Amino acid sequence: MNTQKEFIGGICGTLLSSAGMWADIESIVSIVCAVVGLIITIVTCVVIPVWKKWREAKKDGAIDPDEAEDIANTMKDGIDKINDNIKKEK
């Protein structure tokens, strides 16, 4: 009889422990998804457009001041898009 109660107690303890670990795993997955989403947003709104402008400007071998300004404006526009979306979600 005592062994059966210990066995049931052990099972309940293991189940509660597993439930706690599951909550931790969900938190970790949520954080990872948020970070991946942020990276994707930065890459698609800033890095790729800036890279395309830089590649286009480098075709003639050098980047002149007008092209550099265009690249800087492209980067600023991408950052502004991200900021606008953050403000809309709040």
C-alpha atoms as a PDB file:
ATOM      1  CA  MET A   1       0.000   0.000   0.000  1.00  0.00           C
ATOM      2  CA  ASN A   2       2.792   2.418   0.868  1.00  0.00           C
ATOM      3  CA  THR A   3       4.648   1.573  -2.324  1.00  0.00           C
ATOM      4  CA  GLN A   4       1.559   2.309  -4.406  1.00  0.00           C
ATOM      5  CA  LYS A   5       1.157   5.775  -2.813  1.00  0.00           C
ATOM      6  CA  GLU A   6       4.839   6.510  -3.444  1.00  0.00           C
ATOM      7  CA  PHE A   7       4.474   5.371  -7.031  1.00  0.00           C
ATOM      8  CA  ILE A   8       1.423   7.600  -7.590  1.00  0.00           C
ATOM      9  CA  GLY A   9       3.201  10.488  -5.844  1.00  0.00           C
ATOM     10  CA  GLY A  10       6.233   9.967  -8.087  1.00  0.00           C
ATOM     11  CA  ILE A  11       4.074   9.994 -11.203  1.00  0.00           C
ATOM     12  CA  CYS A  12       2.291  13.199 -10.102  1.00  0.00           C
ATOM     13  CA  GLY A  13       5.621  14.870  -9.340  1.00  0.00           C
ATOM     14  CA  THR A  14       7.017  13.875 -12.719  1.00  0.00           C
ATOM     15  CA  LEU A  15       3.920  15.171 -14.514  1.00  0.00           C
ATOM     16  CA  LEU A  16       4.103  18.525 -12.711  1.00  0.00           C
ATOM     17  CA  SER A  17       7.805  18.779 -13.439  1.00  0.00           C
ATOM     18  CA  SER A  18       7.196  18.031 -17.115  1.00  0.00           C
ATOM     19  CA  ALA A  19       4.455  20.660 -17.268  1.00  0.00           C
ATOM     20  CA  GLY A  20       6.862  23.231 -15.832  1.00  0.00           C
ATOM     21  CA  MET A  21       9.517  22.301 -18.364  1.00  0.00           C
ATOM     22  CA  TRP A  22       6.951  22.594 -21.186  1.00  0.00           C
ATOM     23  CA  ALA A  23       6.179  26.173 -20.126  1.00  0.00           C
ATOM     24  CA  ASP A  24       9.912  26.951 -20.222  1.00  0.00           C
ATOM     25  CA  ILE A  25      10.201  25.416 -23.686  1.00  0.00           C
ATOM     26  CA  GLU A  26       7.263  27.510 -24.917  1.00  0.00           C
ATOM     27  CA  SER A  27       8.936  30.662 -23.583  1.00  0.00           C
ATOM     28  CA  ILE A  28      12.206  29.806 -25.282  1.00  0.00           C
ATOM     29  CA  VAL A  29      10.468  29.066 -28.592  1.00  0.00           C
ATOM     30  CA  SER A  30       8.554  32.343 -28.326  1.00  0.00           C
ATOM     31  CA  ILE A  31      11.746  34.320 -27.757  1.00  0.00           C
ATOM     32  CA  VAL A  32      13.506  32.559 -30.639  1.00  0.00           C
ATOM     33  CA  CYS A  33      10.571  33.272 -32.976  1.00  0.00           C
ATOM     34  CA  ALA A  34      10.558  36.938 -31.973  1.00  0.00           C
ATOM     35  CA  VAL A  35      14.293  37.268 -32.636  1.00  0.00           C
ATOM     36  CA  VAL A  36      14.024  35.476 -35.986  1.00  0.00           C
ATOM     37  CA  GLY A  37      11.127  37.744 -36.955  1.00  0.00           C
ATOM     38  CA  LEU A  38      13.159  40.823 -36.057  1.00  0.00           C
ATOM     39  CA  ILE A  39      16.114  39.601 -38.116  1.00  0.00           C
ATOM     40  CA  ILE A  40      13.869  38.873 -41.114  1.00  0.00           C
ATOM     41  CA  THR A  41      12.284  42.323 -40.830  1.00  0.00           C
ATOM     42  CA  ILE A  42      15.648  44.085 -40.681  1.00  0.00           C
ATOM     43  CA  VAL A  43      17.012  42.063 -43.591  1.00  0.00           C
ATOM     44  CA  THR A  44      13.998  42.620 -45.848  1.00  0.00           C
ATOM     45  CA  CYS A  45      13.450  46.307 -45.014  1.00  0.00           C
ATOM     46  CA  VAL A  46      17.030  47.536 -44.680  1.00  0.00           C
ATOM     47  CA  VAL A  47      19.794  45.138 -45.698  1.00  0.00           C
ATOM     48  CA  ILE A  48      18.468  43.922 -49.066  1.00  0.00           C
ATOM     49  CA  PRO A  49      17.440  47.367 -50.396  1.00  0.00           C
ATOM     50  CA  VAL A  50      20.744  48.902 -49.260  1.00  0.00           C
ATOM     51  CA  TRP A  51      22.702  46.014 -50.779  1.00  0.00           C
ATOM     52  CA  LYS A  52      20.870  46.428 -54.104  1.00  0.00           C
ATOM     53  CA  LYS A  53      21.612  50.173 -54.171  1.00  0.00           C
ATOM     54  CA  TRP A  54      25.261  49.551 -53.209  1.00  0.00           C
ATOM     55  CA  ARG A  55      25.664  46.889 -55.906  1.00  0.00           C
ATOM     56  CA  GLU A  56      24.118  49.223 -58.486  1.00  0.00           C
ATOM     57  CA  ALA A  57      26.388  52.099 -57.414  1.00  0.00           C
ATOM     58  CA  LYS A  58      29.518  49.908 -57.549  1.00  0.00           C
ATOM     59  CA  LYS A  59      28.972  48.955 -61.214  1.00  0.00           C
ATOM     60  CA  ASP A  60      31.111  51.867 -62.409  1.00  0.00           C
ATOM     61  CA  GLY A  61      33.851  51.050 -59.865  1.00  0.00           C
ATOM     62  CA  ALA A  62      33.262  53.842 -57.346  1.00  0.00           C
ATOM     63  CA  ILE A  63      30.446  55.273 -55.297  1.00  0.00           C
ATOM     64  CA  ASP A  64      29.998  59.007 -55.823  1.00  0.00           C
ATOM     65  CA  PRO A  65      28.454  61.292 -53.173  1.00  0.00           C
ATOM     66  CA  ASP A  66      25.007  61.284 -54.816  1.00  0.00           C
ATOM     67  CA  GLU A  67      24.923  57.505 -54.811  1.00  0.00           C
ATOM     68  CA  ALA A  68      26.097  57.422 -51.188  1.00  0.00           C
ATOM     69  CA  GLU A  69      23.299  59.805 -50.258  1.00  0.00           C
ATOM     70  CA  ASP A  70      20.794  57.586 -52.104  1.00  0.00           C
ATOM     71  CA  ILE A  71      22.055  54.547 -50.184  1.00  0.00           C
ATOM     72  CA  ALA A  72      21.776  56.438 -46.873  1.00  0.00           C
ATOM     73  CA  ASN A  73      18.226  57.534 -47.748  1.00  0.00           C
ATOM     74  CA  THR A  74      17.307  53.954 -48.613  1.00  0.00           C
ATOM     75  CA  MET A  75      18.575  52.819 -45.219  1.00  0.00           C
ATOM     76  CA  LYS A  76      16.675  55.606 -43.461  1.00  0.00           C
ATOM     77  CA  ASP A  77      13.472  54.720 -45.343  1.00  0.00           C
ATOM     78  CA  GLY A  78      13.803  51.066 -44.286  1.00  0.00           C
ATOM     79  CA  ILE A  79      14.323  52.015 -40.636  1.00  0.00           C
ATOM     80  CA  ASP A  80      11.369  54.421 -40.818  1.00  0.00           C
ATOM     81  CA  LYS A  81       9.170  51.598 -42.186  1.00  0.00           C
ATOM     82  CA  ILE A  82      10.121  49.403 -39.235  1.00  0.00           C
ATOM     83  CA  ASN A  83       9.458  52.225 -36.749  1.00  0.00           C
ATOM     84  CA  ASP A  84       6.078  52.974 -38.338  1.00  0.00           C
ATOM     85  CA  ASN A  85       5.025  49.333 -38.072  1.00  0.00           C
ATOM     86  CA  ILE A  86       6.106  49.208 -34.432  1.00  0.00           C
ATOM     87  CA  LYS A  87       4.073  52.319 -33.662  1.00  0.00           C
ATOM     88  CA  LYS A  88       1.012  50.872 -35.436  1.00  0.00           C
ATOM     89  CA  GLU A  89       1.178  47.708 -33.334  1.00  0.00           C
ATOM     90  CA  LYS A  90       1.257  49.594 -30.010  1.00  0.00           C
END
